[in-house]
Structure formats: structure tokens, C-alpha cells
């Protein structure tokens, strides 16, 4: 069993985006991890790229959106902790090492992020609260979650909706008893990506709450 399961939902990313994400994982200085990639019915054939890297590949038969893809990854995971990375983003080379240094068996470890692309912004946790959703930070990648906590509390995300994180993080925060944090930006979040769900929602092309 790996210490960390890295779960990557995928849909219609470019080869360059995928390779940047995957390369960042291979560069990790901490290596006790597994990688599970969930293809949520992408039309552009991502399996070959995943196979080049030797990561586990699962393809959905129907589109379930990112929440459903993460759920599939959690069901396949064997790691003690769950790490979520979006396929058009990446993590710093020392991300897992920093997470593990801060990890003393807590239910959750919070990490910071920095954006890249059209708009620059970020967040660094300071340990004053586990409930960072109060500041508007709901993203799954900022929360490294103990798998037993997820399973014991049925923290599976909503499926078939564009944004599942707001509802999910509220449930997570309500059950977490212990947490630690890394006061660094370990997660690099892409902005202005023409293919990204976030960009499409901001343009009004996608309803974040489903049909």
C-alpha cells in the first residue's frame, strides 16, 4: 500500500498540459505514491499518454464530471492519504515531501497554491483554521485527506455537476478532527485555459449546477 494516492480526473486536456502535470509527479523527491488517472469520456484519446508514464488508467463509460471522476479514483485508491491534482495543473517537485513532513497522522493536511497563466493569485494556509472555505478556497487539491476519514464519513462528491467542491468541502470540514498544514504554495493552478471547466463556467457556457 502506498502512502499517498494521487488522483487525477481528466477531460479533454492537451498533451502538453498532461505531460506538464505528469512530469511534475515523476519529479517528486518523495516516491511512496501511486497515480490513478480517470478519463471522464474525453474525445481526444488520453490513454496513450497515460500509458507512456505507467500510471493507472480508468475510462468512464459515461461522463460524470470531475466529482464523479474523483469518486472513481478514491474507490480504486490503496494509499493512506488522497492527493488530488487536476490534469491541467501541476505540483512542485517537493510537494509530497513537504506534505509528508507535515503529516503526523492527521485527518487532513492543507496546502497552499499559486496560479499561473492569465491571472495571478494564490493562498498560503497559516494554521489558524481548518475551514478555509470561509475564505472561498474550496478546491479539492488544497485538501490532502486521510482515506479512512473519506470512507468512514462517506465523503463521495456529487456527480454529473460541474462544480462539486463547495458542497463537498463543507462536509469534509464538518468531520475533520485533526489537521496540519504546509505554509507554502505546493499546487500550481492554471488560469485562462480555453479548455478548462472553470473558464467555460466563467463565460456562461456551462451551468455549474447541472442542467
C-alpha atoms as a PDB file:
ATOM      1  CA  UNK A   1       0.000   0.000   0.000  1.00  0.00           C
ATOM      2  CA  UNK A   2       1.312   3.412  -0.962  1.00  0.00           C
ATOM      3  CA  UNK A   3       1.452   6.286   1.498  1.00  0.00           C
ATOM      4  CA  UNK A   4      -0.282   8.628  -0.983  1.00  0.00           C
ATOM      5  CA  UNK A   5      -2.753   8.055  -3.812  1.00  0.00           C
ATOM      6  CA  UNK A   6      -2.571  10.836  -6.401  1.00  0.00           C
ATOM      7  CA  UNK A   7      -5.934  11.057  -8.165  1.00  0.00           C
ATOM      8  CA  UNK A   8      -6.133  12.906 -11.490  1.00  0.00           C
ATOM      9  CA  UNK A   9      -9.502  13.489 -13.200  1.00  0.00           C
ATOM     10  CA  UNK A  10      -9.072  14.103 -16.931  1.00  0.00           C
ATOM     11  CA  UNK A  11     -11.261  15.535 -19.657  1.00  0.00           C
ATOM     12  CA  UNK A  12     -10.075  16.896 -22.986  1.00  0.00           C
ATOM     13  CA  UNK A  13      -6.706  18.209 -21.784  1.00  0.00           C
ATOM     14  CA  UNK A  14      -3.982  18.904 -24.315  1.00  0.00           C
ATOM     15  CA  UNK A  15      -0.958  16.586 -24.474  1.00  0.00           C
ATOM     16  CA  UNK A  16       1.239  19.468 -23.290  1.00  0.00           C
ATOM     17  CA  UNK A  17      -0.948  20.053 -20.223  1.00  0.00           C
ATOM     18  CA  UNK A  18      -0.987  16.362 -19.341  1.00  0.00           C
ATOM     19  CA  UNK A  19       2.746  15.969 -19.746  1.00  0.00           C
ATOM     20  CA  UNK A  20       3.448  19.031 -17.595  1.00  0.00           C
ATOM     21  CA  UNK A  21       1.224  17.555 -14.878  1.00  0.00           C
ATOM     22  CA  UNK A  22       2.652  14.049 -15.157  1.00  0.00           C
ATOM     23  CA  UNK A  23       6.265  15.238 -15.325  1.00  0.00           C
ATOM     24  CA  UNK A  24       5.772  17.158 -12.088  1.00  0.00           C
ATOM     25  CA  UNK A  25       4.705  13.933 -10.409  1.00  0.00           C
ATOM     26  CA  UNK A  26       7.686  11.993 -11.716  1.00  0.00           C
ATOM     27  CA  UNK A  27       9.988  14.714 -10.361  1.00  0.00           C
ATOM     28  CA  UNK A  28       8.747  14.236  -6.787  1.00  0.00           C
ATOM     29  CA  UNK A  29      11.531  13.857  -4.243  1.00  0.00           C
ATOM     30  CA  UNK A  30       9.196  11.653  -2.153  1.00  0.00           C
ATOM     31  CA  UNK A  31       8.290   8.476  -4.003  1.00  0.00           C
ATOM     32  CA  UNK A  32       5.902   6.405  -1.879  1.00  0.00           C
ATOM     33  CA  UNK A  33       2.845   7.079  -4.030  1.00  0.00           C
ATOM     34  CA  UNK A  34       0.537   5.652  -6.678  1.00  0.00           C
ATOM     35  CA  UNK A  35      -1.119   7.568  -9.515  1.00  0.00           C
ATOM     36  CA  UNK A  36      -4.675   6.941 -10.710  1.00  0.00           C
ATOM     37  CA  UNK A  37      -5.896   8.776 -13.833  1.00  0.00           C
ATOM     38  CA  UNK A  38      -9.625   8.820 -14.587  1.00  0.00           C
ATOM     39  CA  UNK A  39     -10.645   9.668 -18.142  1.00  0.00           C
ATOM     40  CA  UNK A  40     -14.161  11.131 -17.961  1.00  0.00           C
ATOM     41  CA  UNK A  41     -15.084  10.283 -21.575  1.00  0.00           C
ATOM     42  CA  UNK A  42     -12.527  12.540 -23.247  1.00  0.00           C
ATOM     43  CA  UNK A  43     -12.906  12.653 -27.038  1.00  0.00           C
ATOM     44  CA  UNK A  44      -9.203  13.202 -27.690  1.00  0.00           C
ATOM     45  CA  UNK A  45      -7.669   9.877 -26.636  1.00  0.00           C
ATOM     46  CA  UNK A  46      -5.664  10.345 -23.445  1.00  0.00           C
ATOM     47  CA  UNK A  47      -4.910   6.672 -22.751  1.00  0.00           C
ATOM     48  CA  UNK A  48      -1.702   6.564 -24.794  1.00  0.00           C
ATOM     49  CA  UNK A  49      -0.153   9.436 -22.863  1.00  0.00           C
ATOM     50  CA  UNK A  50      -1.084   7.917 -19.502  1.00  0.00           C
ATOM     51  CA  UNK A  51       0.327   4.565 -20.564  1.00  0.00           C
ATOM     52  CA  UNK A  52       3.618   6.211 -21.563  1.00  0.00           C
ATOM     53  CA  UNK A  53       4.038   7.245 -17.931  1.00  0.00           C
ATOM     54  CA  UNK A  54       2.974   3.888 -16.496  1.00  0.00           C
ATOM     55  CA  UNK A  55       0.162   5.374 -14.408  1.00  0.00           C
ATOM     56  CA  UNK A  56      -3.096   3.540 -13.772  1.00  0.00           C
ATOM     57  CA  UNK A  57      -5.744   4.462 -16.363  1.00  0.00           C
ATOM     58  CA  UNK A  58      -9.513   4.165 -15.953  1.00  0.00           C
ATOM     59  CA  UNK A  59     -12.047   5.368 -18.521  1.00  0.00           C
ATOM     60  CA  UNK A  60     -15.652   6.144 -17.648  1.00  0.00           C
ATOM     61  CA  UNK A  61     -18.422   4.748 -19.803  1.00  0.00           C
ATOM     62  CA  UNK A  62     -20.469   7.895 -19.234  1.00  0.00           C
ATOM     63  CA  UNK A  63     -19.442  11.419 -18.324  1.00  0.00           C
ATOM     64  CA  UNK A  64     -19.698  12.048 -14.563  1.00  0.00           C
ATOM     65  CA  UNK A  65     -17.808  15.364 -14.322  1.00  0.00           C
ATOM     66  CA  UNK A  66     -14.849  15.940 -12.008  1.00  0.00           C
ATOM     67  CA  UNK A  67     -16.655  14.890  -8.829  1.00  0.00           C
ATOM     68  CA  UNK A  68     -17.564  11.541 -10.330  1.00  0.00           C
ATOM     69  CA  UNK A  69     -14.031  11.060 -11.642  1.00  0.00           C
ATOM     70  CA  UNK A  70     -12.567  11.714  -8.212  1.00  0.00           C
ATOM     71  CA  UNK A  71     -15.034   9.258  -6.684  1.00  0.00           C
ATOM     72  CA  UNK A  72     -13.833   6.581  -9.090  1.00  0.00           C
ATOM     73  CA  UNK A  73     -10.242   7.352  -8.147  1.00  0.00           C
ATOM     74  CA  UNK A  74     -10.985   7.086  -4.434  1.00  0.00           C
ATOM     75  CA  UNK A  75     -12.641   3.694  -4.946  1.00  0.00           C
ATOM     76  CA  UNK A  76      -9.504   2.448  -6.724  1.00  0.00           C
ATOM     77  CA  UNK A  77      -7.044   4.022  -4.287  1.00  0.00           C
ATOM     78  CA  UNK A  78      -4.974   1.998  -1.845  1.00  0.00           C
ATOM     79  CA  UNK A  79      -2.986   4.850  -0.293  1.00  0.00           C
ATOM     80  CA  UNK A  80      -3.318   6.048   3.265  1.00  0.00           C
ATOM     81  CA  UNK A  81      -3.897   9.617   2.051  1.00  0.00           C
ATOM     82  CA  UNK A  82      -5.633  11.051  -1.006  1.00  0.00           C
ATOM     83  CA  UNK A  83      -3.964  13.789  -3.080  1.00  0.00           C
ATOM     84  CA  UNK A  84      -5.999  15.478  -5.830  1.00  0.00           C
ATOM     85  CA  UNK A  85      -4.387  17.066  -8.886  1.00  0.00           C
ATOM     86  CA  UNK A  86      -6.259  18.454 -11.890  1.00  0.00           C
ATOM     87  CA  UNK A  87      -4.782  17.359 -15.201  1.00  0.00           C
ATOM     88  CA  UNK A  88      -4.090  20.883 -16.477  1.00  0.00           C
ATOM     89  CA  UNK A  89      -2.295  21.910 -13.271  1.00  0.00           C
ATOM     90  CA  UNK A  90       0.884  20.641 -11.625  1.00  0.00           C
ATOM     91  CA  UNK A  91       2.627  20.321  -8.271  1.00  0.00           C
ATOM     92  CA  UNK A  92       6.059  21.487  -7.152  1.00  0.00           C
ATOM     93  CA  UNK A  93       8.880  18.956  -7.078  1.00  0.00           C
ATOM     94  CA  UNK A  94       8.909  18.884  -3.285  1.00  0.00           C
ATOM     95  CA  UNK A  95       5.131  18.793  -2.802  1.00  0.00           C
ATOM     96  CA  UNK A  96       4.819  15.255  -1.449  1.00  0.00           C
ATOM     97  CA  UNK A  97       7.923  15.639   0.699  1.00  0.00           C
ATOM     98  CA  UNK A  98       6.557  18.834   2.250  1.00  0.00           C
ATOM     99  CA  UNK A  99       3.171  17.193   2.808  1.00  0.00           C
ATOM    100  CA  UNK A 100       4.744  14.165   4.431  1.00  0.00           C
ATOM    101  CA  UNK A 101       6.936  16.292   6.689  1.00  0.00           C
ATOM    102  CA  UNK A 102       3.772  17.995   7.962  1.00  0.00           C
ATOM    103  CA  UNK A 103       1.840  14.740   8.217  1.00  0.00           C
ATOM    104  CA  UNK A 104       1.762  13.181  11.683  1.00  0.00           C
ATOM    105  CA  UNK A 105      -1.368  11.118  11.172  1.00  0.00           C
ATOM    106  CA  UNK A 106      -3.868  13.977  10.969  1.00  0.00           C
ATOM    107  CA  UNK A 107      -7.223  13.663   9.214  1.00  0.00           C
ATOM    108  CA  UNK A 108      -6.253  16.347   6.716  1.00  0.00           C
ATOM    109  CA  UNK A 109      -3.270  18.384   5.547  1.00  0.00           C
ATOM    110  CA  UNK A 110      -3.866  21.800   3.971  1.00  0.00           C
ATOM    111  CA  UNK A 111      -1.529  23.139   1.297  1.00  0.00           C
ATOM    112  CA  UNK A 112      -1.162  26.462  -0.485  1.00  0.00           C
ATOM    113  CA  UNK A 113      -1.427  27.256  -4.175  1.00  0.00           C
ATOM    114  CA  UNK A 114      -0.263  29.779  -6.746  1.00  0.00           C
ATOM    115  CA  UNK A 115      -1.913  30.420 -10.095  1.00  0.00           C
ATOM    116  CA  UNK A 116      -0.149  30.741 -13.436  1.00  0.00           C
ATOM    117  CA  UNK A 117      -1.423  31.944 -16.789  1.00  0.00           C
ATOM    118  CA  UNK A 118      -3.645  34.954 -17.426  1.00  0.00           C
ATOM    119  CA  UNK A 119      -4.428  35.860 -13.800  1.00  0.00           C
ATOM    120  CA  UNK A 120      -2.095  35.532 -10.816  1.00  0.00           C
ATOM    121  CA  UNK A 121      -3.368  34.908  -7.296  1.00  0.00           C
ATOM    122  CA  UNK A 122      -2.787  32.406  -4.536  1.00  0.00           C
ATOM    123  CA  UNK A 123      -3.293  31.296  -0.969  1.00  0.00           C
ATOM    124  CA  UNK A 124      -0.971  30.122   1.805  1.00  0.00           C
ATOM    125  CA  UNK A 125      -2.534  28.438   4.876  1.00  0.00           C
ATOM    126  CA  UNK A 126      -1.357  29.791   8.216  1.00  0.00           C
ATOM    127  CA  UNK A 127      -2.806  27.188  10.569  1.00  0.00           C
ATOM    128  CA  UNK A 128      -5.408  29.471  12.145  1.00  0.00           C
ATOM    129  CA  UNK A 129      -8.322  27.384  10.842  1.00  0.00           C
ATOM    130  CA  UNK A 130      -9.093  24.143   9.044  1.00  0.00           C
ATOM    131  CA  UNK A 131     -12.167  25.747   7.471  1.00  0.00           C
ATOM    132  CA  UNK A 132     -10.516  27.572   4.591  1.00  0.00           C
ATOM    133  CA  UNK A 133     -13.807  27.559   2.662  1.00  0.00           C
ATOM    134  CA  UNK A 134     -14.678  30.630   4.735  1.00  0.00           C
ATOM    135  CA  UNK A 135     -12.109  32.464   2.592  1.00  0.00           C
ATOM    136  CA  UNK A 136     -13.532  30.999  -0.620  1.00  0.00           C
ATOM    137  CA  UNK A 137     -10.912  28.271  -1.036  1.00  0.00           C
ATOM    138  CA  UNK A 138     -12.924  25.118  -1.751  1.00  0.00           C
ATOM    139  CA  UNK A 139     -10.723  23.219  -4.179  1.00  0.00           C
ATOM    140  CA  UNK A 140     -10.054  19.563  -3.537  1.00  0.00           C
ATOM    141  CA  UNK A 141      -6.315  19.899  -4.394  1.00  0.00           C
ATOM    142  CA  UNK A 142      -5.784  22.103  -1.323  1.00  0.00           C
ATOM    143  CA  UNK A 143      -7.004  19.301   0.941  1.00  0.00           C
ATOM    144  CA  UNK A 144      -4.946  16.117   1.401  1.00  0.00           C
ATOM    145  CA  UNK A 145      -7.417  13.769   3.063  1.00  0.00           C
ATOM    146  CA  UNK A 146      -6.888  10.576   5.031  1.00  0.00           C
ATOM    147  CA  UNK A 147      -8.608   7.838   3.043  1.00  0.00           C
ATOM    148  CA  UNK A 148     -10.174   6.263   6.134  1.00  0.00           C
ATOM    149  CA  UNK A 149     -11.767   9.614   7.006  1.00  0.00           C
ATOM    150  CA  UNK A 150     -13.239   9.830   3.498  1.00  0.00           C
ATOM    151  CA  UNK A 151     -14.590   6.276   3.627  1.00  0.00           C
ATOM    152  CA  UNK A 152     -15.862   6.389   7.216  1.00  0.00           C
ATOM    153  CA  UNK A 153     -17.781   9.604   6.536  1.00  0.00           C
ATOM    154  CA  UNK A 154     -18.975   8.819   3.004  1.00  0.00           C
ATOM    155  CA  UNK A 155     -17.336  11.903   1.543  1.00  0.00           C
ATOM    156  CA  UNK A 156     -18.031  10.973  -2.068  1.00  0.00           C
ATOM    157  CA  UNK A 157     -18.661  14.004  -4.235  1.00  0.00           C
ATOM    158  CA  UNK A 158     -21.753  14.951  -6.188  1.00  0.00           C
ATOM    159  CA  UNK A 159     -21.665  13.576  -9.731  1.00  0.00           C
ATOM    160  CA  UNK A 160     -22.945  14.998 -13.029  1.00  0.00           C
ATOM    161  CA  UNK A 161     -22.467  18.607 -11.835  1.00  0.00           C
ATOM    162  CA  UNK A 162     -19.730  20.954 -12.990  1.00  0.00           C
ATOM    163  CA  UNK A 163     -18.700  22.184  -9.533  1.00  0.00           C
ATOM    164  CA  UNK A 164     -18.884  19.673  -6.670  1.00  0.00           C
ATOM    165  CA  UNK A 165     -16.233  21.213  -4.440  1.00  0.00           C
ATOM    166  CA  UNK A 166     -18.322  23.749  -2.492  1.00  0.00           C
ATOM    167  CA  UNK A 167     -20.761  21.145  -1.178  1.00  0.00           C
ATOM    168  CA  UNK A 168     -18.005  18.583  -0.642  1.00  0.00           C
ATOM    169  CA  UNK A 169     -15.650  20.807   1.349  1.00  0.00           C
ATOM    170  CA  UNK A 170     -18.423  21.779   3.771  1.00  0.00           C
ATOM    171  CA  UNK A 171     -18.981  18.108   4.586  1.00  0.00           C
ATOM    172  CA  UNK A 172     -15.246  17.497   4.887  1.00  0.00           C
ATOM    173  CA  UNK A 173     -14.755  20.404   7.277  1.00  0.00           C
ATOM    174  CA  UNK A 174     -17.635  19.180   9.439  1.00  0.00           C
ATOM    175  CA  UNK A 175     -15.984  15.810  10.137  1.00  0.00           C
ATOM    176  CA  UNK A 176     -12.254  16.641  10.322  1.00  0.00           C
ATOM    177  CA  UNK A 177     -10.998  16.375  13.898  1.00  0.00           C
ATOM    178  CA  UNK A 178      -7.272  16.954  13.356  1.00  0.00           C
ATOM    179  CA  UNK A 179      -5.315  18.755  10.670  1.00  0.00           C
ATOM    180  CA  UNK A 180      -1.922  20.149   9.827  1.00  0.00           C
ATOM    181  CA  UNK A 181      -0.761  22.478   7.092  1.00  0.00           C
ATOM    182  CA  UNK A 182       2.128  23.409   4.832  1.00  0.00           C
ATOM    183  CA  UNK A 183       2.670  27.190   4.654  1.00  0.00           C
ATOM    184  CA  UNK A 184       3.900  27.045   1.070  1.00  0.00           C
ATOM    185  CA  UNK A 185       2.416  27.059  -2.435  1.00  0.00           C
ATOM    186  CA  UNK A 186       2.787  23.434  -3.497  1.00  0.00           C
ATOM    187  CA  UNK A 187      -0.040  23.418  -6.051  1.00  0.00           C
ATOM    188  CA  UNK A 188       0.159  25.358  -9.329  1.00  0.00           C
ATOM    189  CA  UNK A 189      -3.268  26.268 -10.721  1.00  0.00           C
ATOM    190  CA  UNK A 190      -3.697  27.236 -14.378  1.00  0.00           C
ATOM    191  CA  UNK A 191      -5.882  30.217 -15.327  1.00  0.00           C
ATOM    192  CA  UNK A 192      -7.095  31.227 -18.782  1.00  0.00           C
ATOM    193  CA  UNK A 193      -7.090  27.675 -20.152  1.00  0.00           C
ATOM    194  CA  UNK A 194      -9.528  27.646 -23.077  1.00  0.00           C
ATOM    195  CA  UNK A 195     -10.416  24.013 -22.431  1.00  0.00           C
ATOM    196  CA  UNK A 196     -10.870  24.220 -18.667  1.00  0.00           C
ATOM    197  CA  UNK A 197     -14.200  23.823 -16.953  1.00  0.00           C
ATOM    198  CA  UNK A 198     -13.566  26.884 -14.791  1.00  0.00           C
ATOM    199  CA  UNK A 199     -13.039  29.080 -17.855  1.00  0.00           C
ATOM    200  CA  UNK A 200     -16.191  27.739 -19.536  1.00  0.00           C
ATOM    201  CA  UNK A 201     -18.263  28.365 -16.409  1.00  0.00           C
ATOM    202  CA  UNK A 202     -16.971  31.925 -16.088  1.00  0.00           C
ATOM    203  CA  UNK A 203     -18.027  32.550 -19.687  1.00  0.00           C
ATOM    204  CA  UNK A 204     -21.516  31.187 -19.048  1.00  0.00           C
ATOM    205  CA  UNK A 205     -21.016  28.222 -21.371  1.00  0.00           C
ATOM    206  CA  UNK A 206     -21.584  25.647 -18.616  1.00  0.00           C
ATOM    207  CA  UNK A 207     -24.069  25.577 -15.751  1.00  0.00           C
ATOM    208  CA  UNK A 208     -22.029  24.718 -12.621  1.00  0.00           C
ATOM    209  CA  UNK A 209     -25.080  23.114 -11.001  1.00  0.00           C
ATOM    210  CA  UNK A 210     -26.036  20.826 -13.868  1.00  0.00           C
ATOM    211  CA  UNK A 211     -28.960  21.079 -16.254  1.00  0.00           C
END
